[in-house]
C-alpha atoms as a PDB file:
ATOM      1  CA  MET A   1      41.221 114.568 148.253  1.00  0.00           C
ATOM      2  CA  ILE A   2      40.905 118.504 147.926  1.00  0.00           C
ATOM      3  CA  THR A   3      37.845 119.804 149.697  1.00  0.00           C
ATOM      4  CA  LYS A   4      34.850 121.687 148.422  1.00  0.00           C
ATOM      5  CA  GLU A   5      36.294 124.609 150.725  1.00  0.00           C
ATOM      6  CA  GLN A   6      39.816 124.086 149.326  1.00  0.00           C
ATOM      7  CA  LEU A   7      38.576 124.287 146.115  1.00  0.00           C
ATOM      8  CA  THR A   8      36.471 127.586 146.872  1.00  0.00           C
ATOM      9  CA  GLU A   9      39.453 128.907 148.208  1.00  0.00           C
ATOM     10  CA  ILE A  10      41.610 128.332 144.757  1.00  0.00           C
ATOM     11  CA  ARG A  11      38.519 129.724 142.998  1.00  0.00           C
ATOM     12  CA  ASP A  12      38.564 133.045 145.069  1.00  0.00           C
ATOM     13  CA  TRP A  13      42.534 133.376 144.369  1.00  0.00           C
ATOM     14  CA  LEU A  14      42.013 133.111 140.902  1.00  0.00           C
ATOM     15  CA  ASN A  15      38.925 135.710 141.093  1.00  0.00           C
ATOM     16  CA  LYS A  16      40.747 138.339 142.907  1.00  0.00           C
ATOM     17  CA  ALA A  17      44.309 137.925 141.097  1.00  0.00           C
ATOM     18  CA  GLN A  18      44.416 140.774 138.294  1.00  0.00           C
ATOM     19  CA  ASN A  19      48.114 139.970 136.711  1.00  0.00           C
ATOM     20  CA  PRO A  20      48.514 136.361 138.022  1.00  0.00           C
ATOM     21  CA  VAL A  21      51.616 134.395 136.315  1.00  0.00           C
ATOM     22  CA  PHE A  22      51.200 130.418 136.022  1.00  0.00           C
ATOM     23  CA  PHE A  23      53.960 128.349 136.479  1.00  0.00           C
ATOM     24  CA  PHE A  24      53.272 124.817 135.281  1.00  0.00           C
ATOM     25  CA  ASP A  25      55.084 121.163 134.464  1.00  0.00           C
ATOM     26  CA  ASN A  26      56.256 120.997 131.282  1.00  0.00           C
ATOM     27  CA  ASP A  27      53.927 118.115 130.398  1.00  0.00           C
ATOM     28  CA  MET A  28      50.441 117.361 129.481  1.00  0.00           C
ATOM     29  CA  ASP A  29      48.720 117.874 133.246  1.00  0.00           C
ATOM     30  CA  GLY A  30      50.511 120.954 133.609  1.00  0.00           C
ATOM     31  CA  LEU A  31      49.697 122.591 130.526  1.00  0.00           C
ATOM     32  CA  ALA A  32      46.059 121.599 130.895  1.00  0.00           C
ATOM     33  CA  SER A  33      46.225 122.769 134.555  1.00  0.00           C
ATOM     34  CA  PHE A  34      47.212 126.279 133.437  1.00  0.00           C
ATOM     35  CA  LEU A  35      44.889 126.156 130.393  1.00  0.00           C
ATOM     36  CA  LEU A  36      41.762 125.468 132.871  1.00  0.00           C
ATOM     37  CA  LEU A  37      42.864 128.245 134.997  1.00  0.00           C
ATOM     38  CA  ARG A  38      44.214 130.933 132.521  1.00  0.00           C
ATOM     39  CA  ARG A  39      40.651 130.331 130.371  1.00  0.00           C
ATOM     40  CA  TYR A  40      38.540 130.435 133.531  1.00  0.00           C
ATOM     41  CA  ILE A  41      39.615 134.055 134.530  1.00  0.00           C
ATOM     42  CA  GLY A  42      40.724 135.306 131.307  1.00  0.00           C
ATOM     43  CA  ARG A  43      44.130 136.847 132.259  1.00  0.00           C
ATOM     44  CA  GLY A  44      47.311 135.950 133.184  1.00  0.00           C
ATOM     45  CA  LYS A  45      50.718 134.511 131.664  1.00  0.00           C
ATOM     46  CA  GLY A  46      51.884 131.088 131.537  1.00  0.00           C
ATOM     47  CA  VAL A  47      55.362 129.965 132.039  1.00  0.00           C
ATOM     48  CA  ALA A  48      56.157 126.345 131.080  1.00  0.00           C
ATOM     49  CA  ILE A  49      58.883 124.905 133.588  1.00  0.00           C
ATOM     50  CA  LYS A  50      61.646 122.652 132.034  1.00  0.00           C
ATOM     51  CA  SER A  51      63.725 122.536 135.248  1.00  0.00           C
ATOM     52  CA  PHE A  52      63.589 119.050 137.001  1.00  0.00           C
ATOM     53  CA  PRO A  53      62.389 118.206 139.356  1.00  0.00           C
ATOM     54  CA  ASP A  54      62.232 121.726 141.147  1.00  0.00           C
ATOM     55  CA  LEU A  55      60.859 125.110 139.924  1.00  0.00           C
ATOM     56  CA  ASN A  56      64.376 126.918 140.162  1.00  0.00           C
ATOM     57  CA  ALA A  57      65.500 129.997 141.165  1.00  0.00           C
ATOM     58  CA  ALA A  58      66.432 130.950 137.556  1.00  0.00           C
ATOM     59  CA  TYR A  59      62.876 131.575 137.057  1.00  0.00           C
ATOM     60  CA  SER A  60      62.449 134.246 139.626  1.00  0.00           C
ATOM     61  CA  LYS A  61      63.659 136.592 136.659  1.00  0.00           C
ATOM     62  CA  LYS A  62      59.896 135.894 135.048  1.00  0.00           C
ATOM     63  CA  LEU A  63      58.818 137.648 138.191  1.00  0.00           C
ATOM     64  CA  HIS A  64      60.528 140.954 137.832  1.00  0.00           C
ATOM     65  CA  GLU A  65      59.775 140.789 133.994  1.00  0.00           C
ATOM     66  CA  LEU A  66      55.906 139.850 134.449  1.00  0.00           C
ATOM     67  CA  LYS A  67      55.073 141.821 137.445  1.00  0.00           C
ATOM     68  CA  PRO A  68      52.298 139.609 138.734  1.00  0.00           C
ATOM     69  CA  ASP A  69      50.196 140.019 141.650  1.00  0.00           C
ATOM     70  CA  VAL A  70      49.696 136.208 142.219  1.00  0.00           C
ATOM     71  CA  VAL A  71      51.846 133.413 141.548  1.00  0.00           C
ATOM     72  CA  PHE A  72      50.406 129.929 140.928  1.00  0.00           C
ATOM     73  CA  VAL A  73      52.736 126.953 140.702  1.00  0.00           C
ATOM     74  CA  LEU A  74      51.020 124.093 139.169  1.00  0.00           C
ATOM     75  CA  ASP A  75      52.290 120.387 139.035  1.00  0.00           C
ATOM     76  CA  LYS A  76      56.096 120.793 140.443  1.00  0.00           C
ATOM     77  CA  PRO A  77      56.745 118.779 143.365  1.00  0.00           C
ATOM     78  CA  ILE A  78      59.395 120.827 144.856  1.00  0.00           C
ATOM     79  CA  ILE A  79      59.890 124.881 144.858  1.00  0.00           C
ATOM     80  CA  SER A  80      63.558 125.992 145.036  1.00  0.00           C
ATOM     81  CA  GLU A  81      64.425 128.064 148.196  1.00  0.00           C
ATOM     82  CA  GLY A  82      66.129 130.787 145.487  1.00  0.00           C
ATOM     83  CA  PHE A  83      62.682 130.923 143.929  1.00  0.00           C
ATOM     84  CA  LEU A  84      60.531 131.319 147.455  1.00  0.00           C
ATOM     85  CA  ASP A  85      63.243 133.934 148.663  1.00  0.00           C
ATOM     86  CA  SER A  86      62.080 136.071 145.541  1.00  0.00           C
ATOM     87  CA  THR A  87      58.475 135.943 146.384  1.00  0.00           C
ATOM     88  CA  LYS A  88      59.160 136.751 149.523  1.00  0.00           C
ATOM     89  CA  GLU A  89      61.064 139.694 148.985  1.00  0.00           C
ATOM     90  CA  LEU A  90      58.258 140.768 146.254  1.00  0.00           C
ATOM     91  CA  GLY A  91      55.287 140.387 148.626  1.00  0.00           C
ATOM     92  CA  LEU A  92      54.157 137.772 146.411  1.00  0.00           C
ATOM     93  CA  ASP A  93      51.415 135.097 147.642  1.00  0.00           C
ATOM     94  CA  ILE A  94      52.115 131.438 145.976  1.00  0.00           C
ATOM     95  CA  VAL A  95      49.210 129.288 145.024  1.00  0.00           C
ATOM     96  CA  TRP A  96      50.949 125.772 144.888  1.00  0.00           C
ATOM     97  CA  ILE A  97      48.483 122.643 143.731  1.00  0.00           C
ATOM     98  CA  ASP A  98      50.308 119.736 143.434  1.00  0.00           C
ATOM     99  CA  HIS A  99      49.478 115.876 143.759  1.00  0.00           C
ATOM    100  CA  HIS A 100      53.343 114.737 144.648  1.00  0.00           C
ATOM    101  CA  PRO A 101      54.220 113.794 148.172  1.00  0.00           C
ATOM    102  CA  LEU A 102      53.596 116.534 150.780  1.00  0.00           C
ATOM    103  CA  ARG A 103      56.023 119.467 151.331  1.00  0.00           C
ATOM    104  CA  GLU A 104      56.424 121.771 154.316  1.00  0.00           C
ATOM    105  CA  VAL A 105      55.401 125.166 153.085  1.00  0.00           C
ATOM    106  CA  PRO A 106      56.131 128.854 154.287  1.00  0.00           C
ATOM    107  CA  GLU A 107      53.557 131.642 155.299  1.00  0.00           C
ATOM    108  CA  ASN A 108      53.176 132.774 151.907  1.00  0.00           C
ATOM    109  CA  VAL A 109      52.253 129.526 150.110  1.00  0.00           C
ATOM    110  CA  HIS A 110      48.911 128.778 149.929  1.00  0.00           C
ATOM    111  CA  TYR A 111      49.040 124.783 149.578  1.00  0.00           C
ATOM    112  CA  PHE A 112      46.447 122.622 147.848  1.00  0.00           C
ATOM    113  CA  ASN A 113      47.221 118.539 147.362  1.00  0.00           C
ATOM    114  CA  PRO A 114      44.836 115.611 147.596  1.00  0.00           C
ATOM    115  CA  ILE A 115      47.021 113.816 149.858  1.00  0.00           C
ATOM    116  CA  GLN A 116      46.538 116.161 152.398  1.00  0.00           C
ATOM    117  CA  ASN A 117      43.203 115.137 153.454  1.00  0.00           C
ATOM    118  CA  LYS A 118      41.133 111.725 153.919  1.00  0.00           C
ATOM    119  CA  PRO A 119      40.613 109.830 152.153  1.00  0.00           C
ATOM    120  CA  GLU A 120      44.389 110.713 150.582  1.00  0.00           C
ATOM    121  CA  THR A 121      43.942 110.631 146.776  1.00  0.00           C
ATOM    122  CA  MET A 122      46.702 111.285 144.009  1.00  0.00           C
ATOM    123  CA  GLU A 123      44.582 112.662 140.919  1.00  0.00           C
ATOM    124  CA  PRO A 124      46.244 114.992 138.442  1.00  0.00           C
ATOM    125  CA  VAL A 125      46.269 118.511 138.996  1.00  0.00           C
ATOM    126  CA  SER A 126      44.292 119.129 136.116  1.00  0.00           C
ATOM    127  CA  TYR A 127      41.607 117.083 137.374  1.00  0.00           C
ATOM    128  CA  TRP A 128      41.468 119.437 140.706  1.00  0.00           C
ATOM    129  CA  CYS A 129      41.611 122.586 138.656  1.00  0.00           C
ATOM    130  CA  TYR A 130      38.771 121.153 136.329  1.00  0.00           C
ATOM    131  CA  LYS A 131      36.706 121.025 139.515  1.00  0.00           C
ATOM    132  CA  ALA A 132      37.870 123.990 141.106  1.00  0.00           C
ATOM    133  CA  VAL A 133      36.385 126.051 137.813  1.00  0.00           C
ATOM    134  CA  GLU A 134      33.701 123.959 136.948  1.00  0.00           C
ATOM    135  CA  ASN A 135      33.626 125.068 133.332  1.00  0.00           C
ATOM    136  CA  GLU A 136      32.321 122.304 131.051  1.00  0.00           C
ATOM    137  CA  LYS A 137      33.292 123.706 127.985  1.00  0.00           C
ATOM    138  CA  ASP A 138      36.562 122.742 128.870  1.00  0.00           C
ATOM    139  CA  LEU A 139      36.004 119.429 129.706  1.00  0.00           C
ATOM    140  CA  TRP A 140      38.481 118.198 126.762  1.00  0.00           C
ATOM    141  CA  ILE A 141      41.080 120.047 128.588  1.00  0.00           C
ATOM    142  CA  ALA A 142      40.393 118.269 131.734  1.00  0.00           C
ATOM    143  CA  MET A 143      40.658 114.710 130.087  1.00  0.00           C
ATOM    144  CA  LEU A 144      43.865 116.095 128.318  1.00  0.00           C
ATOM    145  CA  GLY A 145      45.714 116.383 131.289  1.00  0.00           C
ATOM    146  CA  CYS A 146      44.018 113.421 133.234  1.00  0.00           C
ATOM    147  CA  LEU A 147      44.508 111.150 130.423  1.00  0.00           C
ATOM    148  CA  GLY A 148      48.349 112.061 129.754  1.00  0.00           C
ATOM    149  CA  ASP A 149      48.930 111.451 133.395  1.00  0.00           C
ATOM    150  CA  TRP A 150      47.536 107.868 132.984  1.00  0.00           C
ATOM    151  CA  PHE A 151      44.324 108.622 134.982  1.00  0.00           C
ATOM    152  CA  LEU A 152      40.401 108.140 133.496  1.00  0.00           C
ATOM    153  CA  PRO A 153      37.974 110.621 135.556  1.00  0.00           C
ATOM    154  CA  GLU A 154      34.574 109.779 136.692  1.00  0.00           C
ATOM    155  CA  PHE A 155      33.690 112.147 133.478  1.00  0.00           C
ATOM    156  CA  THR A 156      35.603 109.876 131.377  1.00  0.00           C
ATOM    157  CA  ASP A 157      31.853 108.680 129.980  1.00  0.00           C
ATOM    158  CA  LYS A 158      30.444 112.385 129.457  1.00  0.00           C
ATOM    159  CA  PHE A 159      33.611 113.156 127.229  1.00  0.00           C
ATOM    160  CA  LYS A 160      33.299 110.035 125.352  1.00  0.00           C
ATOM    161  CA  GLN A 161      29.735 110.557 124.690  1.00  0.00           C
ATOM    162  CA  GLN A 162      30.593 114.157 123.108  1.00  0.00           C
ATOM    163  CA  PHE A 163      33.734 112.940 120.892  1.00  0.00           C
ATOM    164  CA  SER A 164      33.068 109.163 120.403  1.00  0.00           C
ATOM    165  CA  ASP A 165      34.599 109.635 116.672  1.00  0.00           C
ATOM    166  CA  ILE A 166      38.150 110.065 118.641  1.00  0.00           C
ATOM    167  CA  PHE A 167      37.846 108.403 121.753  1.00  0.00           C
ATOM    168  CA  SER A 168      36.660 104.851 121.651  1.00  0.00           C
ATOM    169  CA  GLY A 169      37.509 101.009 121.209  1.00  0.00           C
ATOM    170  CA  TYR A 170      39.671 100.982 124.498  1.00  0.00           C
ATOM    171  CA  LYS A 171      39.640  98.694 127.396  1.00  0.00           C
ATOM    172  CA  ASN A 172      41.925 100.522 129.721  1.00  0.00           C
ATOM    173  CA  VAL A 173      43.751 103.838 130.370  1.00  0.00           C
ATOM    174  CA  GLU A 174      46.663 102.643 128.535  1.00  0.00           C
ATOM    175  CA  GLU A 175      44.815 101.867 125.268  1.00  0.00           C
ATOM    176  CA  ALA A 176      42.961 104.801 125.683  1.00  0.00           C
ATOM    177  CA  LEU A 177      46.464 106.758 125.704  1.00  0.00           C
ATOM    178  CA  TYR A 178      48.074 104.885 122.619  1.00  0.00           C
ATOM    179  CA  LYS A 179      45.101 103.609 120.703  1.00  0.00           C
ATOM    180  CA  THR A 180      42.773 106.527 120.394  1.00  0.00           C
ATOM    181  CA  GLU A 181      42.887 109.565 118.182  1.00  0.00           C
ATOM    182  CA  PHE A 182      42.691 111.690 120.791  1.00  0.00           C
ATOM    183  CA  GLY A 183      45.337 109.989 122.856  1.00  0.00           C
ATOM    184  CA  ASN A 184      47.676 110.448 119.520  1.00  0.00           C
ATOM    185  CA  LEU A 185      46.653 114.242 120.330  1.00  0.00           C
ATOM    186  CA  ILE A 186      47.885 113.987 124.011  1.00  0.00           C
ATOM    187  CA  LYS A 187      51.325 112.699 122.481  1.00  0.00           C
ATOM    188  CA  ILE A 188      51.428 115.479 119.847  1.00  0.00           C
ATOM    189  CA  LEU A 189      50.873 118.398 122.553  1.00  0.00           C
ATOM    190  CA  ASN A 190      53.306 116.968 124.663  1.00  0.00           C
ATOM    191  CA  PHE A 191      56.031 117.389 121.904  1.00  0.00           C
ATOM    192  CA  ALA A 192      54.931 120.898 121.057  1.00  0.00           C
ATOM    193  CA  LEU A 193      56.064 121.678 124.545  1.00  0.00           C
ATOM    194  CA  LYS A 194      59.448 120.391 123.669  1.00  0.00           C
ATOM    195  CA  ASP A 195      60.081 123.172 121.160  1.00  0.00           C
ATOM    196  CA  ARG A 196      61.514 126.600 121.698  1.00  0.00           C
ATOM    197  CA  THR A 197      60.290 129.003 124.050  1.00  0.00           C
ATOM    198  CA  SER A 198      59.265 131.589 121.710  1.00  0.00           C
ATOM    199  CA  ASN A 199      56.982 128.694 119.949  1.00  0.00           C
ATOM    200  CA  VAL A 200      55.762 127.348 123.212  1.00  0.00           C
ATOM    201  CA  VAL A 201      54.453 131.053 124.314  1.00  0.00           C
ATOM    202  CA  LYS A 202      52.837 131.354 120.849  1.00  0.00           C
ATOM    203  CA  LEU A 203      50.973 128.051 121.094  1.00  0.00           C
ATOM    204  CA  LEU A 204      49.788 128.781 124.936  1.00  0.00           C
ATOM    205  CA  LYS A 205      48.203 131.814 123.272  1.00  0.00           C
ATOM    206  CA  GLU A 206      46.359 130.321 120.690  1.00  0.00           C
ATOM    207  CA  MET A 207      45.080 127.770 122.883  1.00  0.00           C
ATOM    208  CA  TYR A 208      43.095 130.411 125.421  1.00  0.00           C
ATOM    209  CA  ASN A 209      40.623 130.554 122.427  1.00  0.00           C
ATOM    210  CA  VAL A 210      40.446 126.735 121.125  1.00  0.00           C
ATOM    211  CA  ARG A 211      37.227 125.487 121.017  1.00  0.00           C
ATOM    212  CA  SER A 212      37.683 121.622 120.930  1.00  0.00           C
ATOM    213  CA  PRO A 213      40.250 118.987 119.926  1.00  0.00           C
ATOM    214  CA  TYR A 214      39.019 119.091 116.493  1.00  0.00           C
ATOM    215  CA  ASP A 215      41.077 122.442 116.174  1.00  0.00           C
ATOM    216  CA  PHE A 216      43.979 120.577 116.214  1.00  0.00           C
ATOM    217  CA  LEU A 217      42.746 117.351 114.390  1.00  0.00           C
ATOM    218  CA  LYS A 218      41.550 119.587 111.115  1.00  0.00           C
ATOM    219  CA  ASP A 219      43.454 121.778 108.721  1.00  0.00           C
ATOM    220  CA  ASN A 220      44.072 124.437 110.694  1.00  0.00           C
ATOM    221  CA  ALA A 221      46.781 127.001 109.860  1.00  0.00           C
ATOM    222  CA  LYS A 222      46.964 128.510 113.187  1.00  0.00           C
ATOM    223  CA  PHE A 223      48.600 125.287 114.464  1.00  0.00           C
ATOM    224  CA  GLU A 224      50.743 124.363 111.178  1.00  0.00           C
ATOM    225  CA  SER A 225      54.205 125.102 112.639  1.00  0.00           C
ATOM    226  CA  MET A 226      53.314 123.101 115.956  1.00  0.00           C
ATOM    227  CA  LEU A 227      52.294 120.178 114.196  1.00  0.00           C
ATOM    228  CA  ASN A 228      55.144 120.109 111.669  1.00  0.00           C
ATOM    229  CA  HIS A 229      57.673 120.371 114.951  1.00  0.00           C
ATOM    230  CA  ALA A 230      55.678 117.640 116.678  1.00  0.00           C
ATOM    231  CA  LYS A 231      56.038 115.302 113.535  1.00  0.00           C
ATOM    232  CA  THR A 232      59.611 116.217 113.562  1.00  0.00           C
ATOM    233  CA  VAL A 233      60.207 115.080 117.322  1.00  0.00           C
ATOM    234  CA  ILE A 234      57.948 112.381 117.072  1.00  0.00           C
ATOM    235  CA  LYS A 235      59.971 110.833 114.229  1.00  0.00           C
ATOM    236  CA  LYS A 236      63.199 110.987 116.728  1.00  0.00           C
ATOM    237  CA  TYR A 237      61.175 109.760 119.315  1.00  0.00           C
ATOM    238  CA  ASN A 238      60.096 106.691 117.579  1.00  0.00           C
ATOM    239  CA  VAL A 239      64.049 106.087 116.615  1.00  0.00           C
ATOM    240  CA  LEU A 240      64.678 105.810 120.495  1.00  0.00           C
ATOM    241  CA  LEU A 241      61.269 103.945 121.224  1.00  0.00           C
ATOM    242  CA  GLU A 242      62.497 101.317 118.892  1.00  0.00           C
ATOM    243  CA  LYS A 243      65.666 100.608 120.380  1.00  0.00           C
ATOM    244  CA  ALA A 244      64.327 100.569 123.589  1.00  0.00           C
ATOM    245  CA  LYS A 245      61.787  98.334 122.772  1.00  0.00           C
ATOM    246  CA  SER A 246      64.387  95.987 120.886  1.00  0.00           C
ATOM    247  CA  ILE A 247      65.986  95.775 124.221  1.00  0.00           C
ATOM    248  CA  GLY A 248      62.934  94.461 125.737  1.00  0.00           C
ATOM    249  CA  GLU A 249      62.696  91.857 123.457  1.00  0.00           C
ATOM    250  CA  LYS A 250      65.749  90.871 123.167  1.00  0.00           C
ATOM    251  CA  THR A 251      66.163  90.255 127.148  1.00  0.00           C
ATOM    252  CA  LYS A 252      63.912  88.499 129.767  1.00  0.00           C
ATOM    253  CA  GLU A 253      65.351  90.212 132.965  1.00  0.00           C
ATOM    254  CA  LYS A 254      63.219  92.436 135.420  1.00  0.00           C
ATOM    255  CA  LEU A 255      64.668  95.302 134.714  1.00  0.00           C
ATOM    256  CA  LEU A 256      64.131  97.052 131.317  1.00  0.00           C
ATOM    257  CA  PHE A 257      66.971  99.842 131.451  1.00  0.00           C
ATOM    258  CA  PHE A 258      67.624 102.533 128.368  1.00  0.00           C
ATOM    259  CA  GLN A 259      69.824 105.088 128.102  1.00  0.00           C
ATOM    260  CA  TYR A 260      70.567 108.038 125.580  1.00  0.00           C
ATOM    261  CA  GLY A 261      71.901 111.384 125.347  1.00  0.00           C
ATOM    262  CA  GLY A 262      70.915 114.245 122.523  1.00  0.00           C
ATOM    263  CA  THR A 263      69.106 117.513 122.658  1.00  0.00           C
ATOM    264  CA  LEU A 264      65.882 115.987 123.480  1.00  0.00           C
ATOM    265  CA  SER A 265      64.557 115.496 127.073  1.00  0.00           C
ATOM    266  CA  LEU A 266      61.940 112.437 126.418  1.00  0.00           C
ATOM    267  CA  SER A 267      62.640 109.687 129.321  1.00  0.00           C
ATOM    268  CA  GLY A 268      59.446 110.223 130.771  1.00  0.00           C
ATOM    269  CA  GLU A 269      57.232 109.532 127.478  1.00  0.00           C
ATOM    270  CA  ILE A 270      59.893 106.899 126.561  1.00  0.00           C
ATOM    271  CA  ALA A 271      59.119 105.158 129.645  1.00  0.00           C
ATOM    272  CA  ASN A 272      55.435 105.682 129.675  1.00  0.00           C
ATOM    273  CA  GLU A 273      55.147 103.851 126.437  1.00  0.00           C
ATOM    274  CA  LEU A 274      57.798 101.108 127.527  1.00  0.00           C
ATOM    275  CA  TYR A 275      55.645 100.520 130.100  1.00  0.00           C
ATOM    276  CA  TYR A 276      52.557  99.858 127.951  1.00  0.00           C
ATOM    277  CA  PHE A 277      54.521  97.209 125.915  1.00  0.00           C
ATOM    278  CA  PHE A 278      55.994  95.540 128.797  1.00  0.00           C
ATOM    279  CA  PRO A 279      53.561  95.919 131.613  1.00  0.00           C
ATOM    280  CA  ASN A 280      55.454  93.355 133.836  1.00  0.00           C
ATOM    281  CA  ARG A 281      58.718  94.695 133.932  1.00  0.00           C
ATOM    282  CA  ILE A 282      60.620  97.345 135.497  1.00  0.00           C
ATOM    283  CA  ILE A 283      61.123 100.338 133.266  1.00  0.00           C
ATOM    284  CA  VAL A 284      64.257 102.534 133.806  1.00  0.00           C
ATOM    285  CA  VAL A 285      65.244 105.395 131.097  1.00  0.00           C
ATOM    286  CA  ALA A 286      68.100 107.716 131.730  1.00  0.00           C
ATOM    287  CA  TYR A 287      68.446 110.653 129.761  1.00  0.00           C
ATOM    288  CA  ILE A 288      72.217 111.928 129.720  1.00  0.00           C
ATOM    289  CA  THR A 289      72.714 115.374 129.456  1.00  0.00           C
ATOM    290  CA  GLY A 290      76.073 117.080 130.282  1.00  0.00           C
ATOM    291  CA  ASN A 291      77.360 115.734 133.783  1.00  0.00           C
ATOM    292  CA  LYS A 292      73.787 115.013 134.627  1.00  0.00           C
ATOM    293  CA  VAL A 293      71.325 111.972 134.295  1.00  0.00           C
ATOM    294  CA  ASN A 294      67.655 112.554 134.055  1.00  0.00           C
ATOM    295  CA  ILE A 295      65.796 109.243 135.054  1.00  0.00           C
ATOM    296  CA  SER A 296      62.043 108.243 134.202  1.00  0.00           C
ATOM    297  CA  LEU A 297      61.273 104.804 136.275  1.00  0.00           C
ATOM    298  CA  ARG A 298      57.934 102.856 135.843  1.00  0.00           C
ATOM    299  CA  GLY A 299      56.492  99.657 137.511  1.00  0.00           C
ATOM    300  CA  LYS A 300      53.815  97.583 139.321  1.00  0.00           C
ATOM    301  CA  ILE A 301      55.925  98.103 142.555  1.00  0.00           C
ATOM    302  CA  ASP A 302      56.084 100.824 144.663  1.00  0.00           C
ATOM    303  CA  MET A 303      58.566 102.486 142.645  1.00  0.00           C
ATOM    304  CA  ARG A 304      59.261 105.397 145.415  1.00  0.00           C
ATOM    305  CA  ILE A 305      60.720 102.639 147.583  1.00  0.00           C
ATOM    306  CA  LEU A 306      63.062 101.405 144.837  1.00  0.00           C
ATOM    307  CA  VAL A 307      63.980 104.977 143.841  1.00  0.00           C
ATOM    308  CA  LYS A 308      65.056 105.274 147.401  1.00  0.00           C
ATOM    309  CA  LYS A 309      67.181 102.113 147.279  1.00  0.00           C
ATOM    310  CA  ALA A 310      68.408 103.192 143.678  1.00  0.00           C
ATOM    311  CA  LEU A 311      69.791 106.296 145.293  1.00  0.00           C
ATOM    312  CA  GLU A 312      71.733 104.771 148.207  1.00  0.00           C
ATOM    313  CA  GLY A 313      75.229 106.015 148.602  1.00  0.00           C
ATOM    314  CA  ILE A 314      74.495 108.278 145.761  1.00  0.00           C
ATOM    315  CA  GLY A 315      74.248 112.316 145.865  1.00  0.00           C
ATOM    316  CA  GLY A 316      71.275 112.077 143.827  1.00  0.00           C
ATOM    317  CA  THR A 317      67.366 113.128 144.506  1.00  0.00           C
ATOM    318  CA  GLY A 318      64.226 111.493 143.285  1.00  0.00           C
ATOM    319  CA  GLY A 319      60.739 110.603 144.079  1.00  0.00           C
ATOM    320  CA  GLY A 320      57.116 110.985 142.846  1.00  0.00           C
ATOM    321  CA  HIS A 321      54.137 108.486 142.429  1.00  0.00           C
ATOM    322  CA  GLU A 322      53.539 104.888 143.542  1.00  0.00           C
ATOM    323  CA  HIS A 323      54.275 103.502 140.349  1.00  0.00           C
ATOM    324  CA  ALA A 324      55.646 106.526 138.382  1.00  0.00           C
ATOM    325  CA  CYS A 325      58.856 108.298 139.596  1.00  0.00           C
ATOM    326  CA  GLY A 326      61.404 110.434 138.545  1.00  0.00           C
ATOM    327  CA  ALA A 327      65.296 110.652 139.656  1.00  0.00           C
ATOM    328  CA  THR A 328      68.160 112.837 138.986  1.00  0.00           C
ATOM    329  CA  VAL A 329      72.074 111.520 139.711  1.00  0.00           C
ATOM    330  CA  GLN A 330      75.458 112.543 138.473  1.00  0.00           C
ATOM    331  CA  VAL A 331      76.792 110.538 135.002  1.00  0.00           C
ATOM    332  CA  GLU A 332      79.701 108.858 137.434  1.00  0.00           C
ATOM    333  CA  ASP A 333      76.735 107.503 139.247  1.00  0.00           C
ATOM    334  CA  LEU A 334      74.683 106.164 137.117  1.00  0.00           C
ATOM    335  CA  LEU A 335      76.261 102.490 137.008  1.00  0.00           C
ATOM    336  CA  LYS A 336      75.969 102.165 140.404  1.00  0.00           C
ATOM    337  CA  PHE A 337      71.958 103.194 140.406  1.00  0.00           C
ATOM    338  CA  LYS A 338      71.615 100.719 138.110  1.00  0.00           C
ATOM    339  CA  ASP A 339      73.206  97.989 139.986  1.00  0.00           C
ATOM    340  CA  ASN A 340      71.213  99.028 143.130  1.00  0.00           C
ATOM    341  CA  ILE A 341      68.150  98.572 141.206  1.00  0.00           C
ATOM    342  CA  SER A 342      69.295  95.218 140.013  1.00  0.00           C
ATOM    343  CA  ARG A 343      70.457  94.293 143.620  1.00  0.00           C
ATOM    344  CA  TYR A 344      67.273  95.182 145.132  1.00  0.00           C
ATOM    345  CA  LEU A 345      64.909  93.647 142.280  1.00  0.00           C
ATOM    346  CA  GLY A 346      66.954  90.438 142.921  1.00  0.00           C
ATOM    347  CA  GLU A 347      66.110  90.461 146.686  1.00  0.00           C
ATOM    348  CA  LYS A 348      62.278  90.582 146.185  1.00  0.00           C
END
């Protein structure tokens, strides 16, 4: 867990930052984490990170462009050496809040992770950002991030009381995500983050002042463009999802493997929903882009061990949480990656 003293330290960094920049992972947990901190202090810029798995050196140019006094990094498991070097050269402190496996960090990084302390926990970053700022009017934003990361926090019942018309009738976190109107909003916002950068920046600015989820769910001209884009992406997503589901329905093997290409990186979203439909299978979704493959893996076993086995003899990277991991390999290594998984599952 992150201690009360550490939460106070995070809040102190926020309060003294006059021109912070928030680099956040390009998913709902990252977005909600950024919004919770930005809405608390009312200043700073947000940058959605689309590089995987690290915050890479290409984003260093944002440091020169935005000229921050403090850098916040939210929900990213790795910060590249090139980016770290840039912050050191500019004399910038980094406040890094994460919940992935622990990392060694240099002196200018102030690192907060619930795995650091006893008891070791892995709540979403948005959960801890909400605990740090204690801004009850943003409870719904904390729920966006937590539910988007497959986690129902202790304040779920309070949220349900406030928004029972859009959040009820579920038995577990999966149904809360895929069977409620609030869960559908999470899908819409996730896909809105897949838009071009200028539109994402516009969305972020509008969300600085959004009062409740109803602002998205009713006719609202401010979000018409965002909603139209999300609907377009959802149509493409549904086509891919149905192809993947058909593979799962036709085969009974433990491994459900699906690969695709194109312009939309949706492997994480597809893997999550496949895991909902096929909870007893090992889900592997591979997105091929150029010579690289981004892979999302889900399952009830310890997926961190599976990824380690899958990468044996391959020059890729991977890691994540117990039941949800990611990996990156070269195209020519994808077949071996898959074969390694099949061999490992056959031995279990």
